[in-house]
PDB file of N, CA and C in Angstrom:
ATOM      1  N   MET A   1      96.695 133.226  27.748  1.00  0.00           N
ATOM      2  CA  MET A   1      96.247 132.157  26.456  1.00  0.00           C
ATOM      3  C   MET A   1      95.815 132.562  25.190  1.00  0.00           C
ATOM      4  N   SER A   2      96.721 131.930  24.154  1.00  0.00           N
ATOM      5  CA  SER A   2      96.332 131.968  23.313  1.00  0.00           C
ATOM      6  C   SER A   2      94.858 131.562  22.832  1.00  0.00           C
ATOM      7  N   PHE A   3      94.460 131.483  21.707  1.00  0.00           N
ATOM      8  CA  PHE A   3      93.214 131.990  20.927  1.00  0.00           C
ATOM      9  C   PHE A   3      92.754 130.795  20.678  1.00  0.00           C
ATOM     10  N   ASP A   4      93.584 129.977  20.651  1.00  0.00           N
ATOM     11  CA  ASP A   4      93.286 128.516  19.931  1.00  0.00           C
ATOM     12  C   ASP A   4      93.129 127.425  20.924  1.00  0.00           C
ATOM     13  N   TYR A   5      94.084 127.824  22.529  1.00  0.00           N
ATOM     14  CA  TYR A   5      94.170 126.694  23.309  1.00  0.00           C
ATOM     15  C   TYR A   5      92.551 127.580  24.267  1.00  0.00           C
ATOM     16  N   TYR A   6      91.682 128.299  23.924  1.00  0.00           N
ATOM     17  CA  TYR A   6      90.436 128.318  24.454  1.00  0.00           C
ATOM     18  C   TYR A   6      89.389 127.602  23.026  1.00  0.00           C
ATOM     19  N   HIS A   7      90.016 128.005  21.944  1.00  0.00           N
ATOM     20  CA  HIS A   7      89.210 127.179  20.932  1.00  0.00           C
ATOM     21  C   HIS A   7      88.235 125.824  21.135  1.00  0.00           C
ATOM     22  N   ARG A   8      89.898 125.497  21.411  1.00  0.00           N
ATOM     23  CA  ARG A   8      89.997 123.719  21.754  1.00  0.00           C
ATOM     24  C   ARG A   8      88.310 123.507  22.674  1.00  0.00           C
ATOM     25  N   PHE A   9      88.222 124.126  24.161  1.00  0.00           N
ATOM     26  CA  PHE A   9      87.430 124.507  24.933  1.00  0.00           C
ATOM     27  C   PHE A   9      86.053 124.557  24.723  1.00  0.00           C
ATOM     28  N   GLU A  10      86.025 125.816  23.418  1.00  0.00           N
ATOM     29  CA  GLU A  10      84.446 126.023  22.779  1.00  0.00           C
ATOM     30  C   GLU A  10      84.377 125.011  22.192  1.00  0.00           C
ATOM     31  N   LEU A  11      84.550 124.132  21.327  1.00  0.00           N
ATOM     32  CA  LEU A  11      84.196 123.229  21.224  1.00  0.00           C
ATOM     33  C   LEU A  11      84.261 121.738  21.590  1.00  0.00           C
ATOM     34  N   ALA A  12      84.612 122.572  22.734  1.00  0.00           N
ATOM     35  CA  ALA A  12      84.089 120.916  23.811  1.00  0.00           C
ATOM     36  C   ALA A  12      82.227 120.876  23.870  1.00  0.00           C
ATOM     37  N   TYR A  13      81.543 122.038  23.961  1.00  0.00           N
ATOM     38  CA  TYR A  13      80.220 121.851  24.186  1.00  0.00           C
ATOM     39  C   TYR A  13      79.788 122.610  22.776  1.00  0.00           C
ATOM     40  N   ALA A  14      80.385 121.862  21.674  1.00  0.00           N
ATOM     41  CA  ALA A  14      79.488 122.272  20.108  1.00  0.00           C
ATOM     42  C   ALA A  14      78.730 121.498  20.158  1.00  0.00           C
ATOM     43  N   ARG A  15      77.496 122.540  19.709  1.00  0.00           N
ATOM     44  CA  ARG A  15      75.984 121.473  19.629  1.00  0.00           C
ATOM     45  C   ARG A  15      76.288 120.283  18.543  1.00  0.00           C
ATOM     46  N   PHE A  16      76.878 120.545  17.515  1.00  0.00           N
ATOM     47  CA  PHE A  16      76.890 119.579  15.921  1.00  0.00           C
ATOM     48  C   PHE A  16      77.930 118.462  15.912  1.00  0.00           C
ATOM     49  N   PHE A  17      77.438 117.734  16.026  1.00  0.00           N
ATOM     50  CA  PHE A  17      78.878 116.667  15.902  1.00  0.00           C
ATOM     51  C   PHE A  17      78.968 115.827  14.785  1.00  0.00           C
ATOM     52  N   VAL A  18      79.409 115.237  13.393  1.00  0.00           N
ATOM     53  CA  VAL A  18      79.298 114.675  12.472  1.00  0.00           C
ATOM     54  C   VAL A  18      80.050 113.079  12.939  1.00  0.00           C
ATOM     55  N   ARG A  19      79.425 112.755  12.106  1.00  0.00           N
ATOM     56  CA  ARG A  19      79.571 111.205  13.085  1.00  0.00           C
ATOM     57  C   ARG A  19      79.808 110.069  11.774  1.00  0.00           C
ATOM     58  N   LYS A  20      80.651 109.213  11.988  1.00  0.00           N
ATOM     59  CA  LYS A  20      81.402 107.982  10.942  1.00  0.00           C
ATOM     60  C   LYS A  20      80.549 106.852  11.125  1.00  0.00           C
ATOM     61  N   ARG A  21      79.878 106.018  10.053  1.00  0.00           N
ATOM     62  CA  ARG A  21      79.124 105.057  11.071  1.00  0.00           C
ATOM     63  C   ARG A  21      80.555 104.122  10.879  1.00  0.00           C
ATOM     64  N   VAL A  22      81.383 102.942  11.719  1.00  0.00           N
ATOM     65  CA  VAL A  22      81.654 102.104  12.424  1.00  0.00           C
ATOM     66  C   VAL A  22      81.575 100.500  12.624  1.00  0.00           C
ATOM     67  N   GLY A  23      80.720  99.940  11.942  1.00  0.00           N
ATOM     68  CA  GLY A  23      80.172  99.295  12.722  1.00  0.00           C
ATOM     69  C   GLY A  23      78.963  99.497  12.521  1.00  0.00           C
ATOM     70  N   LYS A  24      78.560  98.663  14.107  1.00  0.00           N
ATOM     71  CA  LYS A  24      76.881  99.359  14.663  1.00  0.00           C
ATOM     72  C   LYS A  24      76.856 100.359  15.032  1.00  0.00           C
ATOM     73  N   CYS A  25      78.367 100.906  15.376  1.00  0.00           N
ATOM     74  CA  CYS A  25      78.298 101.993  16.199  1.00  0.00           C
ATOM     75  C   CYS A  25      78.928 103.266  15.239  1.00  0.00           C
ATOM     76  N   PHE A  26      78.961 104.825  15.997  1.00  0.00           N
ATOM     77  CA  PHE A  26      79.327 105.595  15.572  1.00  0.00           C
ATOM     78  C   PHE A  26      80.545 106.034  15.893  1.00  0.00           C
ATOM     79  N   LYS A  27      80.781 107.190  15.367  1.00  0.00           N
ATOM     80  CA  LYS A  27      82.371 107.505  15.488  1.00  0.00           C
ATOM     81  C   LYS A  27      82.231 109.040  15.409  1.00  0.00           C
ATOM     82  N   VAL A  28      82.495 109.966  16.436  1.00  0.00           N
ATOM     83  CA  VAL A  28      82.505 111.517  15.918  1.00  0.00           C
ATOM     84  C   VAL A  28      84.469 111.639  15.765  1.00  0.00           C
ATOM     85  N   LEU A  29      84.080 112.497  14.289  1.00  0.00           N
ATOM     86  CA  LEU A  29      85.242 112.749  13.825  1.00  0.00           C
ATOM     87  C   LEU A  29      85.354 114.363  14.242  1.00  0.00           C
ATOM     88  N   ARG A  30      84.483 115.266  13.766  1.00  0.00           N
ATOM     89  CA  ARG A  30      84.925 116.783  14.257  1.00  0.00           C
ATOM     90  C   ARG A  30      83.757 117.142  14.832  1.00  0.00           C
ATOM     91  N   ARG A  31      83.099 118.216  15.507  1.00  0.00           N
ATOM     92  CA  ARG A  31      82.357 119.237  16.873  1.00  0.00           C
ATOM     93  C   ARG A  31      82.023 120.545  16.165  1.00  0.00           C
ATOM     94  N   PHE A  32      81.629 120.689  15.573  1.00  0.00           N
ATOM     95  CA  PHE A  32      80.901 121.944  15.031  1.00  0.00           C
ATOM     96  C   PHE A  32      79.829 123.179  15.841  1.00  0.00           C
ATOM     97  N   ARG A  33      80.052 124.146  15.942  1.00  0.00           N
ATOM     98  CA  ARG A  33      78.715 124.873  16.705  1.00  0.00           C
ATOM     99  C   ARG A  33      77.813 125.239  15.770  1.00  0.00           C
ATOM    100  N   THR A  34      77.901 125.043  13.867  1.00  0.00           N
ATOM    101  CA  THR A  34      76.901 125.991  13.469  1.00  0.00           C
ATOM    102  C   THR A  34      76.496 124.759  12.662  1.00  0.00           C
ATOM    103  N   TYR A  35      75.047 123.811  12.348  1.00  0.00           N
ATOM    104  CA  TYR A  35      74.877 123.157  11.586  1.00  0.00           C
ATOM    105  C   TYR A  35      75.442 123.171  10.064  1.00  0.00           C
ATOM    106  N   ASP A  36      75.822 124.676   9.584  1.00  0.00           N
ATOM    107  CA  ASP A  36      76.314 125.360   8.395  1.00  0.00           C
ATOM    108  C   ASP A  36      77.198 124.464   8.178  1.00  0.00           C
ATOM    109  N   GLU A  37      78.183 124.831   9.355  1.00  0.00           N
ATOM    110  CA  GLU A  37      79.596 124.330   9.288  1.00  0.00           C
ATOM    111  C   GLU A  37      80.258 122.955   9.252  1.00  0.00           C
ATOM    112  N   ALA A  38      79.059 122.332  10.008  1.00  0.00           N
ATOM    113  CA  ALA A  38      79.285 120.953  10.024  1.00  0.00           C
ATOM    114  C   ALA A  38      78.227 120.249   8.817  1.00  0.00           C
ATOM    115  N   SER A  39      77.910 121.008   7.708  1.00  0.00           N
ATOM    116  CA  SER A  39      77.011 120.156   6.351  1.00  0.00           C
ATOM    117  C   SER A  39      78.109 120.608   5.473  1.00  0.00           C
ATOM    118  N   ASP A  40      79.026 121.227   5.769  1.00  0.00           N
ATOM    119  CA  ASP A  40      80.319 121.953   4.594  1.00  0.00           C
ATOM    120  C   ASP A  40      80.825 120.793   4.509  1.00  0.00           C
ATOM    121  N   TYR A  41      80.995 120.271   6.114  1.00  0.00           N
ATOM    122  CA  TYR A  41      82.417 119.032   6.183  1.00  0.00           C
ATOM    123  C   TYR A  41      81.638 118.201   6.052  1.00  0.00           C
ATOM    124  N   LEU A  42      80.052 117.752   5.786  1.00  0.00           N
ATOM    125  CA  LEU A  42      79.440 116.303   5.430  1.00  0.00           C
ATOM    126  C   LEU A  42      79.723 116.097   4.478  1.00  0.00           C
ATOM    127  N   ARG A  43      79.001 117.126   4.205  1.00  0.00           N
ATOM    128  CA  ARG A  43      79.156 117.561   2.065  1.00  0.00           C
ATOM    129  C   ARG A  43      80.534 116.869   1.380  1.00  0.00           C
ATOM    130  N   PHE A  44      81.865 117.527   2.082  1.00  0.00           N
ATOM    131  CA  PHE A  44      83.330 117.528   1.537  1.00  0.00           C
ATOM    132  C   PHE A  44      83.256 116.260   2.209  1.00  0.00           C
ATOM    133  N   MET A  45      83.300 115.486   3.013  1.00  0.00           N
ATOM    134  CA  MET A  45      84.161 113.839   3.686  1.00  0.00           C
ATOM    135  C   MET A  45      82.965 113.369   3.068  1.00  0.00           C
ATOM    136  N   THR A  46      81.784 113.300   1.865  1.00  0.00           N
ATOM    137  CA  THR A  46      81.010 112.363   1.538  1.00  0.00           C
ATOM    138  C   THR A  46      81.678 112.512  -0.111  1.00  0.00           C
ATOM    139  N   ASP A  47      82.142 113.838  -0.048  1.00  0.00           N
ATOM    140  CA  ASP A  47      82.592 113.504  -1.361  1.00  0.00           C
ATOM    141  C   ASP A  47      83.797 112.989  -1.874  1.00  0.00           C
ATOM    142  N   LEU A  48      84.446 112.879  -0.119  1.00  0.00           N
ATOM    143  CA  LEU A  48      85.822 112.251  -0.309  1.00  0.00           C
ATOM    144  C   LEU A  48      86.243 110.848  -0.624  1.00  0.00           C
ATOM    145  N   TYR A  49      84.833 110.253   0.341  1.00  0.00           N
ATOM    146  CA  TYR A  49      84.936 108.971   0.823  1.00  0.00           C
ATOM    147  C   TYR A  49      83.746 108.326   0.516  1.00  0.00           C
ATOM    148  N   PRO A  50      83.216 108.440  -0.819  1.00  0.00           N
ATOM    149  CA  PRO A  50      81.651 108.169  -1.649  1.00  0.00           C
ATOM    150  C   PRO A  50      81.288 106.190  -0.947  1.00  0.00           C
ATOM    151  N   GLY A  51      80.380 106.066  -0.485  1.00  0.00           N
ATOM    152  CA  GLY A  51      80.141 104.669   0.331  1.00  0.00           C
ATOM    153  C   GLY A  51      80.041 104.557   1.744  1.00  0.00           C
ATOM    154  N   ILE A  52      80.734 105.588   2.496  1.00  0.00           N
ATOM    155  CA  ILE A  52      79.953 105.217   3.297  1.00  0.00           C
ATOM    156  C   ILE A  52      79.830 106.284   4.643  1.00  0.00           C
ATOM    157  N   TYR A  53      78.902 105.965   5.247  1.00  0.00           N
ATOM    158  CA  TYR A  53      77.948 106.544   6.097  1.00  0.00           C
ATOM    159  C   TYR A  53      78.245 108.190   6.789  1.00  0.00           C
ATOM    160  N   PHE A  54      78.162 109.109   6.550  1.00  0.00           N
ATOM    161  CA  PHE A  54      78.408 110.591   7.592  1.00  0.00           C
ATOM    162  C   PHE A  54      77.195 110.343   8.192  1.00  0.00           C
ATOM    163  N   ASP A  55      76.905 111.331   9.322  1.00  0.00           N
ATOM    164  CA  ASP A  55      75.779 111.655  10.069  1.00  0.00           C
ATOM    165  C   ASP A  55      75.751 113.306  10.399  1.00  0.00           C
ATOM    166  N   ILE A  56      74.771 113.881  10.610  1.00  0.00           N
ATOM    167  CA  ILE A  56      74.973 115.038  11.521  1.00  0.00           C
ATOM    168  C   ILE A  56      73.961 115.036  13.051  1.00  0.00           C
ATOM    169  N   LYS A  57      74.829 114.986  14.161  1.00  0.00           N
ATOM    170  CA  LYS A  57      73.888 114.479  15.071  1.00  0.00           C
ATOM    171  C   LYS A  57      74.013 116.012  16.537  1.00  0.00           C
ATOM    172  N   ASP A  58      72.832 117.044  16.145  1.00  0.00           N
ATOM    173  CA  ASP A  58      72.669 117.787  17.018  1.00  0.00           C
ATOM    174  C   ASP A  58      72.083 117.573  18.875  1.00  0.00           C
ATOM    175  N   VAL A  59      72.983 117.900  19.579  1.00  0.00           N
ATOM    176  CA  VAL A  59      73.647 117.638  21.113  1.00  0.00           C
ATOM    177  C   VAL A  59      73.031 118.412  21.798  1.00  0.00           C
ATOM    178  N   SER A  60      71.959 119.130  21.209  1.00  0.00           N
ATOM    179  CA  SER A  60      71.194 120.308  21.754  1.00  0.00           C
ATOM    180  C   SER A  60      70.840 119.717  23.327  1.00  0.00           C
ATOM    181  N   PHE A  61      70.059 118.827  23.638  1.00  0.00           N
ATOM    182  CA  PHE A  61      69.648 118.662  25.153  1.00  0.00           C
ATOM    183  C   PHE A  61      70.124 117.433  25.112  1.00  0.00           C
ATOM    184  N   SER A  62      70.307 116.975  26.141  1.00  0.00           N
ATOM    185  CA  SER A  62      70.601 115.356  26.328  1.00  0.00           C
ATOM    186  C   SER A  62      69.409 114.808  26.432  1.00  0.00           C
ATOM    187  N   CYS A  63      69.351 113.307  26.676  1.00  0.00           N
ATOM    188  CA  CYS A  63      68.229 112.223  26.886  1.00  0.00           C
ATOM    189  C   CYS A  63      68.089 111.963  27.846  1.00  0.00           C
ATOM    190  N   LEU A  64      69.587 112.516  28.716  1.00  0.00           N
ATOM    191  CA  LEU A  64      68.739 112.787  29.743  1.00  0.00           C
ATOM    192  C   LEU A  64      67.605 113.447  30.707  1.00  0.00           C
ATOM    193  N   ASP A  65      67.902 114.398  30.418  1.00  0.00           N
ATOM    194  CA  ASP A  65      66.740 115.627  30.539  1.00  0.00           C
ATOM    195  C   ASP A  65      65.469 115.162  29.852  1.00  0.00           C
ATOM    196  N   LYS A  66      64.677 114.273  29.135  1.00  0.00           N
ATOM    197  CA  LYS A  66      63.781 113.767  28.900  1.00  0.00           C
ATOM    198  C   LYS A  66      63.002 113.328  30.127  1.00  0.00           C
ATOM    199  N   GLU A  67      61.861 113.075  30.000  1.00  0.00           N
ATOM    200  CA  GLU A  67      61.410 112.802  31.462  1.00  0.00           C
ATOM    201  C   GLU A  67      60.353 111.021  31.043  1.00  0.00           C
TER     202      GLU A  67
END
């Protein structure tokens, strides 16, 4: 199998999401393994589309794990 094939599955469990606000909801644009990669992409998107709200969400633990 190719590297690209396994890379897609690796990003399925990535920790950081870059999201765009759409109305009252958020849409996930890309997933990243490190915060630095996510912040670089966030900076790029903010410069490209000023006035649109983007953020980074850390999903290292599930809200279902909370007591």
